[in-house]
Protein backbone atom coordinates (compact mmCIF):
# COMPACT_ATOMS: atom_id res chain seq x y z
CA MET A 1 -55.52 43.12 176.75
CA THR A 2 -53.09 40.93 174.84
CA ALA A 3 -54.50 37.60 173.80
CA PRO A 4 -52.68 34.50 175.04
CA LEU A 5 -50.70 32.32 172.69
CA GLY A 6 -53.05 29.51 173.58
CA SER A 7 -55.73 31.22 171.50
CA PHE A 8 -53.99 29.83 168.43
CA PRO A 9 -55.14 26.28 167.71
CA ALA A 10 -52.68 23.46 168.11
CA LEU A 11 -50.91 22.67 164.86
CA GLY A 12 -52.19 19.55 163.14
CA SER A 13 -50.42 16.98 161.01
CA ARG A 14 -51.76 16.17 157.58
CA ARG A 15 -48.70 15.75 155.42
CA ARG A 16 -44.92 15.62 155.82
CA LEU A 17 -45.12 16.65 159.48
CA ALA A 18 -42.35 14.22 160.31
CA THR A 19 -39.93 16.33 158.28
CA VAL A 20 -40.27 19.34 160.58
CA ALA A 21 -36.94 19.89 162.25
CA VAL A 22 -37.63 23.13 164.12
CA ALA A 23 -40.24 22.75 166.87
CA LEU A 24 -42.61 25.49 167.85
CA PRO A 25 -41.87 27.24 171.14
CA ALA A 26 -42.46 25.14 174.25
CA ALA A 27 -44.73 27.91 175.43
CA MET A 28 -47.35 26.70 172.94
CA ALA A 29 -48.67 24.70 175.87
CA THR A 30 -48.66 27.72 178.20
CA LEU A 31 -50.16 31.17 178.20
CA LEU A 32 -47.43 33.34 176.68
CA PRO A 33 -48.51 36.87 175.73
CA LEU A 34 -48.50 37.74 172.07
CA ALA A 35 -45.81 40.11 170.84
CA GLY A 36 -44.14 41.11 167.61
CA CYS A 37 -40.59 41.09 168.93
CA ALA A 38 -37.91 38.58 169.61
CA ALA A 39 -38.11 38.90 173.38
CA THR A 40 -40.66 37.95 175.97
CA THR A 41 -39.79 41.17 177.83
CA GLN A 42 -40.39 43.51 174.89
CA GLN A 43 -43.82 42.43 173.77
CA GLY A 44 -46.36 44.67 172.16
CA PRO A 45 -50.02 44.11 171.45
CA GLY A 46 -51.13 41.38 169.14
CA GLU A 47 -47.91 39.66 168.00
CA ILE A 48 -46.25 36.41 168.99
CA GLY A 49 -42.81 36.60 170.55
CA SER A 50 -40.00 34.11 170.98
CA ALA A 51 -40.16 31.56 173.77
CA THR A 52 -36.42 31.10 173.88
CA THR A 53 -34.60 34.37 173.10
CA VAL A 54 -34.27 37.40 175.36
CA SER A 55 -33.32 40.56 173.49
CA ALA A 56 -33.95 44.27 173.74
CA THR A 57 -34.49 44.55 169.99
CA VAL A 58 -38.05 45.35 168.95
CA SER A 59 -39.04 43.83 165.61
CA ALA A 60 -40.20 45.83 162.64
CA ASP A 61 -43.56 44.09 162.83
CA GLN A 62 -44.20 45.55 166.27
CA ALA A 63 -43.01 48.98 165.21
CA GLY A 64 -45.29 48.91 162.18
CA ALA A 65 -42.56 48.74 159.52
CA ARG A 66 -40.05 46.25 158.21
CA PRO A 67 -36.31 46.72 158.60
CA ALA A 68 -34.64 49.02 156.10
CA ALA A 69 -33.57 46.91 153.16
CA GLY A 70 -31.70 47.15 149.90
CA PRO A 71 -33.04 48.42 146.59
CA ALA A 72 -36.67 47.88 145.78
CA ARG A 73 -37.48 44.79 143.78
CA PRO A 74 -38.33 45.40 140.15
CA ASP A 75 -42.01 45.03 139.32
CA VAL A 76 -41.87 42.71 136.35
CA GLU A 77 -45.58 41.88 136.15
CA PRO A 78 -45.96 41.57 132.35
CA LEU A 79 -49.73 41.83 132.25
CA ALA A 80 -52.11 44.70 132.81
CA ARG A 81 -52.42 45.81 136.41
CA ALA A 82 -55.41 44.20 138.07
CA ALA A 83 -57.73 45.54 140.73
CA LYS A 84 -56.47 46.01 144.27
CA PHE A 85 -57.80 44.45 147.44
CA THR A 86 -57.90 46.87 150.35
CA GLY A 87 -59.29 45.84 153.71
CA ARG A 88 -58.53 44.69 157.22
CA TYR A 89 -56.86 41.37 157.95
CA SER A 90 -60.22 39.96 159.09
CA GLU A 91 -61.81 41.01 155.80
CA ALA A 92 -59.02 39.39 153.81
CA VAL A 93 -59.48 36.12 155.71
CA SER A 94 -63.22 36.25 155.00
CA ALA A 95 -62.55 36.90 151.31
CA LEU A 96 -60.64 33.65 150.86
CA ARG A 97 -62.52 31.00 148.92
CA ARG A 98 -62.96 27.63 150.59
CA GLY A 99 -61.98 24.44 148.77
CA ALA A 100 -60.46 21.01 149.35
CA GLU A 101 -56.83 20.52 148.41
CA VAL A 102 -55.99 18.45 145.34
CA ARG A 103 -52.36 17.35 144.96
CA ASP A 104 -52.89 15.15 141.88
CA GLY A 105 -50.41 15.88 139.09
CA TYR A 106 -48.07 18.16 141.06
CA GLU A 107 -44.45 18.40 139.97
CA ARG A 108 -42.12 21.18 141.06
CA GLU A 109 -41.11 21.55 137.40
CA GLU A 110 -44.61 22.89 136.69
CA PHE A 111 -43.33 26.22 138.13
CA THR A 112 -40.39 27.62 136.18
CA HIS A 113 -37.98 29.45 138.50
CA TRP A 114 -35.68 31.29 139.04
CA VAL A 115 -35.93 33.50 135.95
CA ASP A 116 -34.52 36.88 134.91
CA ALA A 117 -37.86 38.42 134.04
CA ASP A 118 -36.60 41.99 133.60
CA SER A 119 -33.49 40.94 131.63
CA ASP A 120 -31.05 42.78 133.90
CA GLY A 121 -28.76 39.79 134.33
CA CYS A 122 -30.05 38.92 137.83
CA ASP A 123 -32.50 36.09 138.42
CA THR A 124 -35.34 36.15 140.95
CA ARG A 125 -33.29 34.73 143.83
CA GLU A 126 -30.61 37.37 143.29
CA GLU A 127 -33.20 40.15 143.06
CA VAL A 128 -34.72 39.14 146.41
CA LEU A 129 -31.31 38.90 148.09
CA ALA A 130 -30.40 42.36 146.82
CA ALA A 131 -33.73 43.87 147.90
CA GLU A 132 -33.61 42.35 151.40
CA SER A 133 -29.93 42.98 152.12
CA LEU A 134 -29.33 45.11 155.21
CA GLY A 135 -25.79 46.23 154.38
CA GLY A 136 -26.64 49.84 153.61
CA SER A 137 -23.87 51.76 151.83
CA THR A 138 -21.37 48.93 152.39
CA ALA A 139 -23.34 46.48 150.27
CA SER A 140 -22.53 46.22 146.60
CA ALA A 141 -23.45 44.00 143.67
CA GLY A 142 -20.55 42.18 142.13
CA PRO A 143 -20.15 39.93 139.09
CA GLY A 144 -22.98 37.49 138.65
CA CYS A 145 -25.26 39.68 140.81
CA ASP A 146 -23.62 38.51 144.04
CA VAL A 147 -24.27 40.95 146.90
CA THR A 148 -21.23 41.48 149.13
CA GLY A 149 -20.78 43.39 152.39
CA ALA A 150 -24.41 42.74 153.31
CA THR A 151 -26.35 41.04 156.08
CA TRP A 152 -29.76 39.39 155.97
CA HIS A 153 -32.28 38.80 158.73
CA SER A 154 -34.38 35.63 158.70
CA TYR A 155 -37.47 36.62 160.63
CA TYR A 156 -38.81 33.05 160.82
CA ASP A 157 -36.13 32.16 163.38
CA ASP A 158 -34.63 35.59 164.22
CA GLN A 159 -31.23 34.74 162.76
CA THR A 160 -28.79 37.07 160.97
CA PHE A 161 -26.54 35.95 158.13
CA THR A 162 -23.65 37.44 156.19
CA ASP A 163 -23.34 34.62 153.63
CA SER A 164 -26.22 34.41 151.17
CA SER A 165 -25.51 30.71 150.59
CA ASP A 166 -27.00 30.09 154.05
CA LEU A 167 -30.34 31.47 152.85
CA ASP A 168 -33.25 30.07 150.90
CA ILE A 169 -35.81 32.19 149.09
CA ASP A 170 -39.08 30.96 150.51
CA HIS A 171 -42.36 31.12 148.63
CA THR A 172 -44.63 32.35 151.43
CA VAL A 173 -47.28 30.08 149.93
CA ALA A 174 -45.29 27.06 148.81
CA LEU A 175 -45.46 25.94 145.20
CA ALA A 176 -47.11 22.64 146.14
CA GLU A 177 -49.62 24.45 148.37
CA SER A 178 -50.47 26.83 145.53
CA TRP A 179 -51.01 23.86 143.22
CA ASP A 180 -53.38 22.30 145.75
CA SER A 181 -55.22 25.61 146.11
CA GLY A 182 -55.83 26.49 142.47
CA ALA A 183 -52.56 26.82 140.54
CA ARG A 184 -53.14 23.40 138.99
CA ALA A 185 -55.68 25.08 136.70
CA TRP A 186 -53.36 27.93 135.60
CA ASP A 187 -51.42 28.10 132.39
CA ASP A 188 -47.63 27.74 132.43
CA GLN A 189 -47.00 31.49 132.22
CA THR A 190 -49.21 32.25 135.23
CA ARG A 191 -47.42 29.60 137.31
CA GLU A 192 -44.08 31.08 136.28
CA ARG A 193 -45.23 34.56 137.36
CA PHE A 194 -46.34 33.17 140.72
CA ALA A 195 -43.04 31.38 141.27
CA ASN A 196 -41.07 34.57 140.50
CA ASP A 197 -43.43 37.17 141.98
CA LEU A 198 -41.25 40.25 142.43
CA GLY A 199 -44.28 42.52 142.14
CA GLU A 200 -45.38 41.72 145.71
CA PRO A 201 -42.62 41.71 148.39
CA ARG A 202 -44.65 39.44 150.66
CA SER A 203 -44.63 36.62 148.09
CA LEU A 204 -40.92 35.80 148.36
CA ILE A 205 -38.77 36.14 151.45
CA ALA A 206 -35.13 35.38 152.25
CA VAL A 207 -34.98 33.07 155.28
CA SER A 208 -32.57 30.58 156.78
CA ALA A 209 -32.33 27.34 154.84
CA SER A 210 -33.18 25.36 157.97
CA SER A 211 -36.42 27.22 158.66
CA ASN A 212 -37.51 27.01 155.02
CA ARG A 213 -36.94 23.28 154.93
CA SER A 214 -38.69 22.86 158.25
CA LYS A 215 -41.72 24.57 156.75
CA SER A 216 -41.64 22.51 153.54
CA ASP A 217 -45.04 22.79 151.81
CA GLN A 218 -47.16 23.12 154.94
CA ASP A 219 -49.88 25.68 155.57
CA PRO A 220 -50.25 27.65 158.85
CA SER A 221 -52.43 24.97 160.45
CA GLU A 222 -49.44 22.63 160.16
CA TRP A 223 -46.41 24.91 160.61
CA MET A 224 -45.70 28.37 161.99
CA PRO A 225 -42.42 30.27 162.39
CA GLU A 226 -41.02 30.78 165.85
CA HIS A 227 -41.13 34.56 165.51
CA GLN A 228 -43.50 37.24 164.18
CA GLN A 229 -46.33 34.81 163.65
CA CYS A 230 -48.98 37.45 163.01
CA ARG A 231 -46.81 39.00 160.32
CA TYR A 232 -46.47 35.57 158.75
CA LEU A 233 -50.22 35.01 158.77
CA ARG A 234 -50.88 38.41 157.19
CA ASP A 235 -48.32 37.68 154.50
CA TRP A 236 -49.86 34.25 153.89
CA VAL A 237 -53.36 35.69 153.53
CA THR A 238 -52.06 38.53 151.35
CA VAL A 239 -50.49 36.11 148.88
CA LYS A 240 -53.58 33.92 148.79
CA VAL A 241 -55.77 36.95 148.10
CA ARG A 242 -53.37 38.25 145.44
CA TRP A 243 -53.39 34.96 143.55
CA SER A 244 -57.04 33.99 144.23
CA LEU A 245 -55.99 30.78 145.98
CA SER A 246 -58.41 28.78 148.12
CA VAL A 247 -58.07 27.58 151.72
CA ASP A 248 -58.98 24.15 153.04
CA ARG A 249 -61.05 23.51 156.15
CA ALA A 250 -58.22 23.25 158.71
CA GLU A 251 -56.37 26.22 157.23
CA ARG A 252 -59.53 28.33 157.20
CA ALA A 253 -60.31 27.47 160.84
CA PHE A 254 -56.75 28.34 161.92
CA LEU A 255 -56.85 31.71 160.16
CA ARG A 256 -60.22 32.52 161.69
CA ASP A 257 -58.95 31.65 165.16
CA SER A 258 -55.98 33.97 164.60
CA LEU A 259 -58.38 36.93 164.39
CA THR A 260 -58.62 36.91 168.19
CA SER A 261 -54.83 37.03 168.57
CA CYS A 262 -53.51 39.22 165.74
CA PRO A 263 -54.16 42.94 165.25
CA ASP A 264 -56.66 43.69 162.52
CA LYS A 265 -54.22 45.64 160.38
CA LYS A 266 -55.00 47.03 156.96
CA ILE A 267 -53.91 44.98 153.96
CA THR A 268 -53.56 46.39 150.45
CA VAL A 269 -52.47 44.13 147.62
CA ARG A 270 -52.78 44.20 143.86
CA ARG A 271 -54.52 41.10 142.56
CA ALA A 272 -52.51 39.13 140.03
CA ARG A 273 -54.03 38.36 136.68
CA ILE A 274 -54.79 34.65 136.44
CA VAL A 275 -54.85 32.89 133.07
CA LYS A 276 -56.31 29.40 133.14
CA ASP A 277 -54.94 26.53 131.12
CA ALA A 278 -57.03 26.16 127.96
CA ALA A 279 -57.79 22.51 128.72
CA GLY A 280 -58.57 23.21 132.38
CA THR A 281 -56.21 20.40 133.40
CA GLY A 282 -53.19 22.25 134.71
CA GLY A 283 -51.08 21.70 131.60
CA GLY A 284 -47.36 21.08 131.64
CA THR A 285 -45.68 17.76 132.30
CA GLY A 286 -47.48 16.97 135.53
CA GLY A 287 -50.99 16.39 134.22
CA GLY A 288 -53.19 18.52 136.50
CA THR A 289 -56.31 17.84 138.48
CA ALA A 290 -56.88 14.32 137.29
CA GLY A 291 -58.14 15.70 133.99
CA GLY A 292 -60.74 18.01 135.53
CA ASN A 293 -62.32 20.77 133.45
CA ALA A 294 -62.15 24.30 134.80
CA SER A 295 -65.50 24.86 133.08
CA GLY A 296 -68.59 22.77 132.47
CA ALA A 297 -72.36 23.02 132.89
CA VAL A 298 -72.96 20.24 135.42
CA LYS A 299 -75.91 21.00 137.70
CA VAL A 300 -77.47 19.58 140.87
CA ALA A 301 -80.43 17.47 139.76
CA SER A 302 -81.77 16.27 143.12
CA VAL A 303 -81.03 15.69 146.81
CA VAL A 304 -82.35 12.80 148.87
CA TYR A 305 -81.94 13.85 152.52
CA ASP A 306 -82.48 12.11 155.87
CA PRO A 307 -83.67 8.79 154.39
CA PRO A 308 -86.10 6.71 156.51
CA GLY A 309 -84.60 4.75 159.38
CA SER A 310 -81.99 5.46 162.01
CA ASP A 311 -78.90 7.32 160.86
CA ASP A 312 -76.53 4.40 160.60
CA GLU A 313 -74.72 2.40 157.92
CA SER A 314 -77.89 0.64 156.85
CA ASN A 315 -79.38 3.70 155.15
CA LEU A 316 -76.26 5.76 154.54
CA ASN A 317 -76.09 5.18 150.80
CA ALA A 318 -79.76 6.10 150.43
CA GLU A 319 -78.63 9.69 151.13
CA VAL A 320 -77.79 10.93 147.64
CA VAL A 321 -76.97 14.04 145.62
CA ALA A 322 -77.57 13.55 141.89
CA LEU A 323 -75.72 15.68 139.33
CA ARG A 324 -76.71 16.11 135.69
CA ASN A 325 -74.68 17.16 132.66
CA PRO A 326 -77.27 18.94 130.47
CA SER A 327 -74.75 19.91 127.81
CA SER A 328 -73.89 18.20 124.55
CA ALA A 329 -70.25 17.62 125.58
CA ALA A 330 -68.72 15.33 128.19
CA VAL A 331 -67.26 17.04 131.29
CA LYS A 332 -64.13 15.79 133.03
CA MET A 333 -64.80 16.23 136.76
CA GLY A 334 -61.51 15.16 138.33
CA GLY A 335 -60.72 17.64 141.12
CA TRP A 336 -64.25 19.08 141.27
CA ILE A 337 -65.63 19.42 144.80
CA LEU A 338 -69.09 18.71 146.22
CA SER A 339 -69.66 20.32 149.61
CA ASP A 340 -72.32 21.22 152.16
CA ALA A 341 -72.71 24.26 154.40
CA ALA A 342 -70.75 22.56 157.22
CA ASP A 343 -67.61 22.05 155.08
CA HIS A 344 -68.08 18.34 154.43
CA THR A 345 -66.43 17.84 151.05
CA PHE A 346 -66.08 15.18 148.38
CA THR A 347 -63.33 15.67 145.80
CA PHE A 348 -64.01 13.89 142.53
CA PRO A 349 -61.44 11.34 141.39
CA THR A 350 -60.64 10.95 137.69
CA PHE A 351 -64.18 10.86 136.31
CA THR A 352 -65.98 11.91 133.14
CA LEU A 353 -69.70 12.67 133.10
CA ALA A 354 -71.03 11.99 129.65
CA ALA A 355 -73.31 14.44 127.86
CA GLY A 356 -76.90 14.20 129.11
CA SER A 357 -75.92 11.77 131.87
CA VAL A 358 -76.51 11.71 135.64
CA VAL A 359 -74.15 10.62 138.41
CA ARG A 360 -75.27 9.97 141.98
CA ILE A 361 -72.97 10.74 144.91
CA HIS A 362 -73.82 8.58 147.93
CA SER A 363 -72.87 9.56 151.47
CA GLY A 364 -71.49 6.13 152.32
CA SER A 365 -68.87 3.87 150.79
CA GLY A 366 -68.99 1.54 147.82
CA LYS A 367 -67.49 0.69 144.44
CA ALA A 368 -67.44 3.61 142.01
CA THR A 369 -69.15 3.18 138.63
CA ASP A 370 -70.04 5.46 135.71
CA THR A 371 -73.33 6.29 137.43
CA ASP A 372 -72.54 6.08 141.16
CA LEU A 373 -69.75 7.56 143.30
CA PHE A 374 -69.29 7.29 147.07
CA ALA A 375 -68.22 10.20 149.29
CA SER A 376 -67.71 8.24 152.55
CA TYR A 377 -68.40 11.34 154.68
CA GLY A 378 -71.33 9.92 156.63
CA HIS A 379 -74.79 11.40 157.11
CA VAL A 380 -74.56 15.06 156.10
CA TRP A 381 -77.78 15.84 154.21
CA ASN A 382 -80.10 16.23 157.18
CA ASN A 383 -83.72 17.25 157.74
CA SER A 384 -82.87 20.73 159.07
CA GLY A 385 -82.00 22.02 155.61
CA ASP A 386 -78.65 22.47 153.89
CA THR A 387 -76.85 23.93 150.87
CA VAL A 388 -75.27 21.83 148.13
CA THR A 389 -72.35 23.48 146.31
CA LEU A 390 -70.51 22.08 143.29
CA THR A 391 -67.13 23.73 142.64
CA ARG A 392 -65.12 23.23 139.46
CA SER A 393 -61.43 22.30 139.55
CA GLY A 394 -60.46 25.89 138.74
CA GLY A 395 -62.40 27.22 141.75
CA SER A 396 -65.52 28.63 140.07
CA ILE A 397 -68.97 27.55 141.25
CA ALA A 398 -70.80 25.25 138.82
CA ASP A 399 -74.02 25.18 140.88
CA SER A 400 -75.28 25.86 144.39
CA VAL A 401 -78.76 25.00 145.67
CA SER A 402 -80.47 24.90 149.05
CA TYR A 403 -83.31 22.85 150.45
CA PRO A 404 -85.45 23.71 153.50
CA GLY A 405 -85.51 20.27 155.12
CA GLY A 406 -88.31 18.82 157.22
CA GLY A 407 -88.78 15.08 157.68
CA SER A 408 -87.34 12.70 155.12
CA GLY A 409 -87.56 13.79 151.54
CA ARG A 410 -86.28 14.42 148.05
CA VAL A 411 -85.90 17.76 146.33
CA ASP A 412 -85.60 17.98 142.53
CA TYR A 413 -84.07 20.95 140.73
């Protein structure tokens, strides 16, 4: 049985939602069957169809293949081929690392594009337009790599174009989103390879300028195309797996909910080689994750859970996780994340933990000092047991400990 469209969660609004010009189908509030075509009368299992267009054309996503396109894109990956991920869509979603988004230091200039990586005279935009052109034998490349006699299909909004100037080349995972999700810790060359990723056709896609600008830098929990939504989600997950990018709480929940609506198709993608910035700060002109190190030996020192008294503001700051830097060097912790098993997270501001020092993270609010920070996430360290995870700005785990709970107490590590 085809799952209803209502099985997708309602899209939220966390940033720039007011800029969205193209609304989702009105049927988001109704039970429209899922389909991979542009017509409500031609739906197949597991894909989302259009709420506004009636057409007898079945999309390539429903048929199991994409439309025939122009010449294959050159694979200009300059580094050694990395391992492949092969698994079902559900397995790819499960493989994504969880982490809070950190926008600090982002500038679009951190990602050099468009480049001519294979030195054939055509830059990345021109390579994608040539590869995705649908003109067949009538299409030809003219001076300056312009493709003439071709058409392009924008699957986001099911529009066809004959003038490439009406198209944008969309980064499936936007540059700003990639920065939030881990690219801030990459070196300049890795960010350039991501921004010009011709080695994976799902990374870059030619779409209408209006749909691309409607999307902006939003993730699927905030924006979805009107058409072929399951294809879009698979492409999104594929790119995040390829580039080892994390997902935040709302994004992760949305992707998990999509598992009941989208077919569990096989995904195969070659993982990109990631080179971290030597300083762990993101490099470039934009600064990075508030100066956070992508490495460092900070450990969980203790947890004070379920302090005596009723769980209200009066004892909130008595609930504490203490972290220790046992090394002989200071560690910059801007962009590091402290989290529990229920996805409550605290992202460190610009902060340096001196060698041999301890910082305490309180569950309530207060004025930050060199020894005390305040997460403001309420009572989370309870008496039923929990797991404390400390994640570095580059995404690696610095420490993870669990405590069994029981009454009020303190556990030292």
